[in-house]
Amino acid sequence: MLRVGHKSAITVFLILFLCTCIDPYNPKLGEYTPLLVVDGLITDLNSSYTIKLSRTFQNQNETPQTVPDAKVSISDNLGNITFFKYKGNGVYKSDSTEIKGLVGRTYVLHIYTKDGAEYESDPCIMQSVPEIDSIYYAKDEKLTSNGTKYQKGISIYLNSSGGDIDQFYRWTFDETWKFKIPYPKRYNFNMADSSITVVNNVKEYCWKNRKSTDILIYSNTTGQPLSIKKEPVFFIAPDQSDRLLIQYSILVKQYSISKNEYDFWNNLKQVSESSGDIFSKLPFTVVSNIKNVNDRKERVLGFFQVSAVKQKRINITLSEILELNLPFFHYSCEQFARDPSDYPKSPGAPPTTWAEIYAIWCITSDYYFVEPQYSSGSKLSKMVFAKPECANCELTGTSAKPDFWIDFN
């Protein structure tokens, strides 16, 4: 068995000491030819499928170039053809009523770009995948700071039933969590008459969502079906983000993949993990399953993925995290109060107005007025301000409650 987990974070350091005078060398680089990049996956779920087309770019400061107005379709071994519609930004989508992947059926991706190039994937058979038995978490520690410090948190694990002999798997996950900002904006200030009114829809609670970028793959080449036990999926350090402050949900998807696709992801992992120093192994080509029909020498990046999928969700509440005695996350937010005395003027000049204070912080400095403070007799005594991200949760999340969400706290 071989288990592989990859965190897609790459840091490359190059240190060069010049001890003698060397004339600079400016190599003459040949003309750069952008390569086609294909990102596509079809499963046995009742959903719309997406194929994304783009081009590589030479300068890291450039914006990736998408591929518009191509003809994209998928055919199967029974002669069925499904055409994808262009939705903009290099994205092509199928109608969920026109195609659903079936285990045992073989699929081929076809791409015709508007410059006349024709691309085709290798035939890909959709293989069955066993159920995920359970998703669970446990208190854990992880080495950080180049292996010099332990970080406390929780690890998400999965158990899965045994599959076929020589089975290959890949996992992805979607995170969703509810959070609350520290100083929600509850009041509005009108500069015209200095009136203060209550905000009807306070943006205090929101949800964040993140799709995994990790490469999580597994191979069973023992010659017999094996169940998967305590496979690590994701580590969460509760003091590094607001994931676990209210309620957290993770949906794990398990795919059955071919040996070729397993090799693709494993090679990609090894290339991206290369440290880049002079002792590192040289990068090697990550082979795609997509070819130019009329020019087999042209390199194409990406992989057309065909897989059945099983998925399972787990919810983790704040009360459960409290039982583990873990460090907590604290927002780097503060609010502050101001009044006219904080802005004295020269003798004889009119005092600073509330509207001027509002303008200083909310117009010039881009802060939020969040609430007033009153002295006896309901007289305004101070105006309270906070940073936008600390006062409006929609700046970092969405106030639209996910369809699947159930509050357990």
Protein backbone atom coordinates (compact mmCIF):
# COMPACT_ATOMS: atom_id res chain seq x y z
CA MET A 1 0.00 0.00 0.00
CA LEU A 2 1.14 3.50 -0.68
CA ARG A 3 -0.43 6.53 0.96
CA VAL A 4 0.28 10.01 -0.29
CA GLY A 5 -0.83 13.38 1.12
CA HIS A 6 0.35 16.66 -0.33
CA LYS A 7 -0.12 20.23 0.85
CA SER A 8 0.16 22.40 -2.20
CA ALA A 9 2.51 25.02 -0.77
CA ILE A 10 5.85 25.48 -2.53
CA THR A 11 8.67 27.72 -1.33
CA VAL A 12 11.85 28.03 -3.36
CA PHE A 13 14.95 29.80 -2.05
CA LEU A 14 17.95 30.51 -4.29
CA ILE A 15 21.16 31.91 -2.73
CA LEU A 16 24.02 32.87 -5.00
CA PHE A 17 27.32 34.36 -3.80
CA LEU A 18 29.50 36.07 -6.38
CA CYS A 19 33.17 36.04 -5.41
CA THR A 20 34.64 37.27 -8.69
CA CYS A 21 33.64 39.74 -11.37
CA ILE A 22 31.58 37.98 -14.00
CA ASP A 23 30.12 39.58 -17.08
CA PRO A 24 26.34 39.24 -17.09
CA TYR A 25 24.93 36.65 -19.48
CA ASN A 26 21.63 37.32 -21.17
CA PRO A 27 20.48 34.13 -22.87
CA LYS A 28 18.41 34.37 -26.02
CA LEU A 29 15.23 32.49 -25.30
CA GLY A 30 13.22 30.93 -28.08
CA GLU A 31 9.67 31.92 -28.82
CA TYR A 32 7.33 30.79 -26.06
CA THR A 33 4.36 28.67 -27.09
CA PRO A 34 1.48 28.50 -24.60
CA LEU A 35 0.24 24.99 -23.85
CA LEU A 36 -3.38 23.92 -23.57
CA VAL A 37 -4.47 23.12 -20.00
CA VAL A 38 -7.54 20.91 -19.50
CA ASP A 39 -9.36 20.47 -16.19
CA GLY A 40 -12.38 18.17 -16.40
CA LEU A 41 -14.19 15.59 -14.31
CA ILE A 42 -17.35 13.53 -14.86
CA THR A 43 -18.85 11.30 -12.18
CA ASP A 44 -21.98 9.24 -11.55
CA LEU A 45 -23.65 12.09 -9.63
CA ASN A 46 -26.76 13.82 -10.93
CA SER A 47 -25.12 17.17 -11.60
CA SER A 48 -23.80 19.44 -14.30
CA TYR A 49 -20.21 18.65 -15.29
CA THR A 50 -17.53 21.23 -16.03
CA ILE A 51 -14.60 21.30 -18.44
CA LYS A 52 -12.23 24.25 -18.06
CA LEU A 53 -9.76 25.22 -20.78
CA SER A 54 -6.86 27.63 -20.39
CA ARG A 55 -3.32 28.28 -21.62
CA THR A 56 -0.03 28.31 -19.77
CA PHE A 57 1.77 31.65 -19.41
CA GLN A 58 5.44 32.54 -19.33
CA ASN A 59 5.56 35.32 -16.75
CA GLN A 60 4.30 34.63 -13.25
CA ASN A 61 2.82 38.14 -13.15
CA GLU A 62 0.63 37.44 -16.16
CA THR A 63 -3.03 36.49 -15.94
CA PRO A 64 -3.87 32.95 -17.14
CA GLN A 65 -5.36 33.02 -20.63
CA THR A 66 -8.67 31.19 -21.00
CA VAL A 67 -9.77 29.38 -24.16
CA PRO A 68 -13.11 30.70 -25.43
CA ASP A 69 -15.51 29.47 -28.13
CA ALA A 70 -14.20 25.93 -28.42
CA LYS A 71 -16.42 22.96 -29.26
CA VAL A 72 -16.37 20.57 -26.30
CA SER A 73 -18.14 17.22 -26.15
CA ILE A 74 -17.98 13.82 -24.46
CA SER A 75 -18.79 10.55 -26.18
CA ASP A 76 -19.27 7.09 -24.68
CA ASN A 77 -18.72 3.57 -25.99
CA LEU A 78 -22.42 3.25 -26.92
CA GLY A 79 -22.23 6.15 -29.37
CA ASN A 80 -23.88 8.78 -27.17
CA ILE A 81 -22.49 12.32 -27.54
CA THR A 82 -23.06 15.21 -25.12
CA PHE A 83 -22.12 18.77 -26.09
CA PHE A 84 -21.00 21.30 -23.49
CA LYS A 85 -22.07 24.95 -23.57
CA TYR A 86 -19.58 27.77 -23.16
CA LYS A 87 -20.29 29.84 -20.04
CA GLY A 88 -17.42 32.28 -20.26
CA ASN A 89 -13.99 32.48 -18.62
CA GLY A 90 -12.89 29.24 -20.28
CA VAL A 91 -15.64 27.21 -18.58
CA TYR A 92 -17.81 24.72 -20.48
CA LYS A 93 -20.76 23.04 -18.74
CA SER A 94 -23.12 20.18 -19.52
CA ASP A 95 -26.85 20.04 -18.93
CA SER A 96 -27.46 17.85 -15.86
CA THR A 97 -30.38 16.15 -17.67
CA GLU A 98 -28.30 15.14 -20.69
CA ILE A 99 -25.47 13.13 -19.20
CA LYS A 100 -24.80 11.08 -16.09
CA GLY A 101 -21.73 8.90 -15.76
CA LEU A 102 -22.39 5.16 -15.46
CA VAL A 103 -20.07 2.62 -13.90
CA GLY A 104 -18.58 0.32 -16.55
CA ARG A 105 -19.06 2.77 -19.40
CA THR A 106 -16.11 4.31 -21.29
CA TYR A 107 -15.88 8.05 -22.05
CA VAL A 108 -13.77 10.19 -24.40
CA LEU A 109 -13.37 13.98 -24.25
CA HIS A 110 -13.30 15.89 -27.56
CA ILE A 111 -12.07 19.49 -27.94
CA TYR A 112 -12.04 21.61 -31.10
CA THR A 113 -10.47 25.04 -30.58
CA LYS A 114 -11.43 27.96 -32.79
CA ASP A 115 -7.93 28.00 -34.34
CA GLY A 116 -8.66 24.57 -35.86
CA ALA A 117 -6.79 22.32 -33.42
CA GLU A 118 -8.43 19.03 -32.43
CA TYR A 119 -7.77 17.30 -29.11
CA GLU A 120 -8.99 13.97 -27.75
CA SER A 121 -8.55 12.11 -24.49
CA ASP A 122 -7.72 8.45 -24.07
CA PRO A 123 -10.82 6.27 -23.49
CA CYS A 124 -11.56 6.35 -19.74
CA ILE A 125 -13.68 3.71 -18.05
CA MET A 126 -15.75 4.66 -15.00
CA GLN A 127 -14.90 2.27 -12.20
CA SER A 128 -16.97 1.52 -9.11
CA VAL A 129 -15.98 2.95 -5.74
CA PRO A 130 -16.79 1.60 -2.25
CA GLU A 131 -18.75 3.53 0.35
CA ILE A 132 -17.06 5.79 2.88
CA ASP A 133 -17.84 4.08 6.18
CA SER A 134 -17.15 7.06 8.42
CA ILE A 135 -15.63 10.50 8.69
CA TYR A 136 -14.38 11.45 12.15
CA TYR A 137 -11.88 13.66 13.94
CA ALA A 138 -9.40 13.35 16.78
CA LYS A 139 -7.14 15.66 18.73
CA ASP A 140 -3.73 15.79 17.09
CA GLU A 141 -0.43 17.64 16.81
CA LYS A 142 1.49 18.69 13.73
CA LEU A 143 5.11 19.75 13.34
CA THR A 144 5.58 23.27 11.98
CA SER A 145 8.39 25.82 11.69
CA ASN A 146 10.65 23.38 9.82
CA GLY A 147 9.97 20.63 12.32
CA THR A 148 10.86 22.62 15.40
CA LYS A 149 7.43 23.33 16.88
CA TYR A 150 4.25 21.36 17.53
CA GLN A 151 0.93 22.87 16.56
CA LYS A 152 -2.15 21.57 18.38
CA GLY A 153 -5.38 20.91 16.56
CA ILE A 154 -7.61 18.20 15.14
CA SER A 155 -7.16 15.81 12.24
CA ILE A 156 -10.03 14.67 10.03
CA TYR A 157 -9.89 10.95 9.15
CA LEU A 158 -11.90 8.54 7.05
CA ASN A 159 -12.58 4.81 7.06
CA SER A 160 -13.64 3.11 3.85
CA SER A 161 -14.83 -0.34 2.85
CA GLY A 162 -12.54 -2.60 0.87
CA GLY A 163 -12.61 -2.18 -2.89
CA ASP A 164 -11.35 -4.24 -5.79
CA ILE A 165 -7.91 -5.76 -6.12
CA ASP A 166 -5.35 -3.16 -7.25
CA GLN A 167 -7.68 -0.29 -6.41
CA PHE A 168 -6.63 3.36 -6.68
CA TYR A 169 -8.36 6.24 -4.90
CA ARG A 170 -8.35 10.01 -4.79
CA TRP A 171 -10.05 12.26 -2.23
CA THR A 172 -11.19 15.86 -2.32
CA PHE A 173 -13.13 17.83 0.27
CA ASP A 174 -15.31 20.91 0.60
CA GLU A 175 -15.17 22.91 3.83
CA THR A 176 -17.98 25.13 5.08
CA TRP A 177 -18.05 26.95 8.40
CA LYS A 178 -20.17 29.52 10.17
CA PHE A 179 -18.46 32.52 11.72
CA LYS A 180 -19.31 35.73 13.55
CA ILE A 181 -17.48 39.03 13.18
CA PRO A 182 -16.52 40.84 16.43
CA TYR A 183 -18.03 44.30 15.90
CA PRO A 184 -21.04 44.12 13.57
CA LYS A 185 -22.30 47.38 12.10
CA ARG A 186 -25.68 47.95 13.77
CA TYR A 187 -26.23 51.64 13.01
CA ASN A 188 -26.09 54.08 10.09
CA PHE A 189 -25.05 57.71 10.28
CA ASN A 190 -26.56 60.37 8.00
CA MET A 191 -24.06 63.17 7.30
CA ALA A 192 -26.80 65.56 6.12
CA ASP A 193 -28.53 65.90 9.51
CA SER A 194 -26.27 63.80 11.81
CA SER A 195 -29.16 61.41 12.47
CA ILE A 196 -28.51 57.83 13.51
CA THR A 197 -30.73 54.94 12.44
CA VAL A 198 -30.75 51.22 13.13
CA VAL A 199 -29.43 48.81 10.45
CA ASN A 200 -32.22 46.45 9.48
CA ASN A 201 -30.04 43.60 8.20
CA VAL A 202 -26.96 43.32 10.40
CA LYS A 203 -24.14 41.34 8.71
CA GLU A 204 -23.00 39.55 11.85
CA TYR A 205 -23.15 35.83 10.96
CA CYS A 206 -21.85 34.43 7.67
CA TRP A 207 -20.47 31.26 6.09
CA LYS A 208 -17.16 30.59 4.41
CA ASN A 209 -16.45 27.85 1.88
CA ARG A 210 -13.18 26.39 0.67
CA LYS A 211 -12.47 23.59 -1.78
CA SER A 212 -9.42 21.45 -1.15
CA THR A 213 -6.23 22.00 -3.12
CA ASP A 214 -4.43 19.05 -1.53
CA ILE A 215 -3.42 15.98 -3.52
CA LEU A 216 -4.74 13.01 -1.55
CA ILE A 217 -4.27 9.65 -3.27
CA TYR A 218 -3.97 6.01 -2.26
CA SER A 219 -3.06 2.77 -3.99
CA ASN A 220 -3.70 -0.82 -3.00
CA THR A 221 -1.43 -3.12 -5.02
CA THR A 222 -1.33 -6.00 -2.56
CA GLY A 223 -3.37 -8.28 -4.79
CA GLN A 224 -6.27 -8.44 -2.36
CA PRO A 225 -9.06 -6.03 -1.36
CA LEU A 226 -8.22 -4.01 1.73
CA SER A 227 -10.32 -1.67 3.83
CA ILE A 228 -8.94 1.80 4.56
CA LYS A 229 -8.57 2.76 8.22
CA LYS A 230 -7.80 6.17 9.71
CA GLU A 231 -6.78 7.78 6.43
CA PRO A 232 -5.75 11.41 7.21
CA VAL A 233 -7.70 13.97 5.20
CA PHE A 234 -7.07 17.37 6.74
CA PHE A 235 -5.48 19.00 9.79
CA ILE A 236 -7.04 22.07 11.42
CA ALA A 237 -5.20 24.32 13.85
CA PRO A 238 -8.07 26.07 15.66
CA ASP A 239 -5.95 29.08 16.65
CA GLN A 240 -5.00 29.81 13.02
CA SER A 241 -8.47 30.48 11.57
CA ASP A 242 -12.11 31.02 12.56
CA ARG A 243 -13.15 27.56 11.29
CA LEU A 244 -14.04 26.08 14.68
CA LEU A 245 -15.49 29.07 16.51
CA ILE A 246 -19.16 28.19 15.91
CA GLN A 247 -19.76 25.21 13.63
CA TYR A 248 -17.69 23.48 10.97
CA SER A 249 -18.72 21.07 8.20
CA ILE A 250 -16.58 19.06 5.81
CA LEU A 251 -17.82 17.00 2.85
CA VAL A 252 -15.30 14.35 1.75
CA LYS A 253 -15.54 12.82 -1.72
CA GLN A 254 -13.94 9.49 -2.60
CA TYR A 255 -13.13 8.71 -6.24
CA SER A 256 -12.09 5.48 -7.93
CA ILE A 257 -9.31 6.27 -10.38
CA SER A 258 -7.29 4.37 -12.94
CA LYS A 259 -3.62 3.48 -12.61
CA ASN A 260 -2.83 6.15 -15.23
CA GLU A 261 -4.67 8.84 -13.30
CA TYR A 262 -3.01 7.73 -10.06
CA ASP A 263 0.39 8.11 -11.77
CA PHE A 264 -0.62 11.56 -13.04
CA TRP A 265 -1.46 12.83 -9.54
CA ASN A 266 1.53 11.11 -7.96
CA ASN A 267 3.92 12.66 -10.51
CA LEU A 268 2.30 16.05 -10.04
CA LYS A 269 2.80 15.74 -6.29
CA GLN A 270 6.45 14.88 -6.68
CA VAL A 271 7.11 17.77 -9.06
CA SER A 272 5.39 20.30 -6.80
CA GLU A 273 7.17 18.98 -3.70
CA SER A 274 10.61 19.39 -5.28
CA SER A 275 12.63 21.73 -3.08
CA GLY A 276 14.40 23.36 -6.01
CA ASP A 277 17.94 23.20 -4.57
CA ILE A 278 20.96 21.88 -6.49
CA PHE A 279 20.59 18.42 -4.95
CA SER A 280 16.95 18.01 -5.94
CA LYS A 281 15.96 15.56 -8.62
CA LEU A 282 15.22 17.12 -11.96
CA PRO A 283 11.54 17.77 -12.72
CA PHE A 284 9.96 15.26 -15.09
CA THR A 285 7.03 15.53 -17.44
CA VAL A 286 3.60 14.96 -15.90
CA VAL A 287 1.93 12.94 -18.64
CA SER A 288 -1.60 13.91 -19.64
CA ASN A 289 -4.22 11.59 -21.14
CA ILE A 290 -5.15 14.23 -23.73
CA LYS A 291 -3.46 14.53 -27.13
CA ASN A 292 -3.58 16.74 -30.20
CA VAL A 293 -5.11 14.43 -32.81
CA ASN A 294 -3.03 15.85 -35.66
CA ASP A 295 0.17 16.65 -33.76
CA ARG A 296 1.12 13.99 -31.23
CA LYS A 297 4.28 15.90 -30.32
CA GLU A 298 2.30 18.81 -28.86
CA ARG A 299 2.27 18.74 -25.07
CA VAL A 300 -1.07 19.11 -23.30
CA LEU A 301 -1.38 19.65 -19.56
CA GLY A 302 -4.11 18.38 -17.26
CA PHE A 303 -6.14 15.20 -17.12
CA PHE A 304 -9.64 14.16 -18.15
CA GLN A 305 -10.98 12.47 -15.04
CA VAL A 306 -13.73 9.84 -15.09
CA SER A 307 -14.78 8.39 -11.75
CA ALA A 308 -17.63 7.13 -9.67
CA VAL A 309 -17.84 8.98 -6.37
CA LYS A 310 -19.04 8.41 -2.83
CA GLN A 311 -19.28 11.23 -0.33
CA LYS A 312 -19.86 11.74 3.37
CA ARG A 313 -20.21 14.80 5.59
CA ILE A 314 -19.36 15.48 9.21
CA ASN A 315 -20.33 18.50 11.34
CA ILE A 316 -18.22 19.68 14.27
CA THR A 317 -19.67 22.06 16.84
CA LEU A 318 -18.03 24.49 19.23
CA SER A 319 -19.14 22.45 22.24
CA GLU A 320 -17.27 19.43 20.89
CA ILE A 321 -14.10 21.48 20.37
CA LEU A 322 -14.29 22.92 23.88
CA GLU A 323 -14.01 19.40 25.29
CA LEU A 324 -10.58 19.01 23.65
CA ASN A 325 -8.99 21.96 25.49
CA LEU A 326 -7.40 23.43 22.35
CA PRO A 327 -6.13 26.99 21.78
CA PHE A 328 -8.66 29.40 20.31
CA PHE A 329 -8.53 31.83 17.40
CA HIS A 330 -8.73 35.55 18.17
CA TYR A 331 -9.59 38.13 15.53
CA SER A 332 -7.02 40.89 15.04
CA CYS A 333 -9.81 43.44 15.41
CA GLU A 334 -10.35 46.41 17.66
CA GLN A 335 -12.93 49.13 17.87
CA PHE A 336 -12.33 52.68 19.05
CA ALA A 337 -14.53 55.61 20.09
CA ARG A 338 -14.12 59.24 19.09
CA ASP A 339 -15.79 62.54 20.04
CA PRO A 340 -15.24 66.21 19.11
CA SER A 341 -12.75 66.71 21.94
CA ASP A 342 -10.36 64.36 20.12
CA TYR A 343 -10.11 66.94 17.31
CA PRO A 344 -9.54 70.38 18.92
CA LYS A 345 -9.58 73.44 16.69
CA SER A 346 -7.97 76.84 17.04
CA PRO A 347 -9.59 79.30 19.49
CA GLY A 348 -12.70 80.94 18.08
CA ALA A 349 -13.26 78.25 15.42
CA PRO A 350 -16.47 76.21 15.57
CA PRO A 351 -16.07 72.81 17.28
CA THR A 352 -15.59 69.67 15.25
CA THR A 353 -18.93 68.20 14.19
CA TRP A 354 -20.07 64.58 14.26
CA ALA A 355 -20.28 64.68 10.47
CA GLU A 356 -16.63 65.73 10.27
CA ILE A 357 -15.60 62.85 12.55
CA TYR A 358 -17.62 60.45 10.41
CA ALA A 359 -15.93 61.78 7.27
CA ILE A 360 -12.45 61.37 8.78
CA TRP A 361 -12.93 57.69 9.53
CA CYS A 362 -15.57 56.41 7.10
CA ILE A 363 -14.76 58.39 3.97
CA THR A 364 -11.09 59.30 4.23
CA SER A 365 -9.87 56.24 6.14
CA ASP A 366 -12.46 53.64 4.99
CA TYR A 367 -13.58 52.45 8.44
CA TYR A 368 -17.12 51.52 9.46
CA PHE A 369 -19.25 53.43 11.92
CA VAL A 370 -20.65 50.56 14.00
CA GLU A 371 -22.54 52.14 16.91
CA PRO A 372 -23.08 55.31 18.95
CA GLN A 373 -22.43 55.83 22.64
CA TYR A 374 -24.79 58.04 24.64
CA SER A 375 -24.43 59.98 27.86
CA SER A 376 -27.26 60.71 30.26
CA GLY A 377 -30.27 62.25 28.57
CA SER A 378 -29.69 60.25 25.33
CA LYS A 379 -27.12 62.74 24.12
CA LEU A 380 -24.55 61.41 21.66
CA SER A 381 -21.20 61.27 23.43
CA LYS A 382 -18.99 59.13 21.16
CA MET A 383 -18.96 57.43 17.76
CA VAL A 384 -17.52 53.90 17.60
CA PHE A 385 -15.57 52.71 14.54
CA ALA A 386 -14.04 49.43 13.37
CA LYS A 387 -12.26 48.00 10.33
CA PRO A 388 -14.64 46.90 7.54
CA GLU A 389 -13.76 43.19 7.78
CA CYS A 390 -14.51 43.32 11.50
CA ALA A 391 -17.91 44.95 11.01
CA ASN A 392 -19.39 43.27 7.92
CA CYS A 393 -19.13 39.48 7.59
CA GLU A 394 -20.01 39.59 3.88
CA LEU A 395 -16.59 41.06 3.11
CA THR A 396 -15.00 37.66 3.85
CA GLY A 397 -17.99 35.31 3.53
CA THR A 398 -21.62 35.10 2.51
CA SER A 399 -24.73 35.69 4.59
CA ALA A 400 -26.67 33.22 2.40
CA LYS A 401 -27.17 30.08 4.47
CA PRO A 402 -26.07 26.93 2.56
CA ASP A 403 -28.92 24.65 1.52
CA PHE A 404 -27.54 21.70 3.51
CA TRP A 405 -26.79 23.67 6.67
CA ILE A 406 -28.38 22.71 10.00
CA ASP A 407 -27.39 24.55 13.19
CA PHE A 408 -26.46 22.02 15.87
CA ASN A 409 -25.27 24.39 18.60
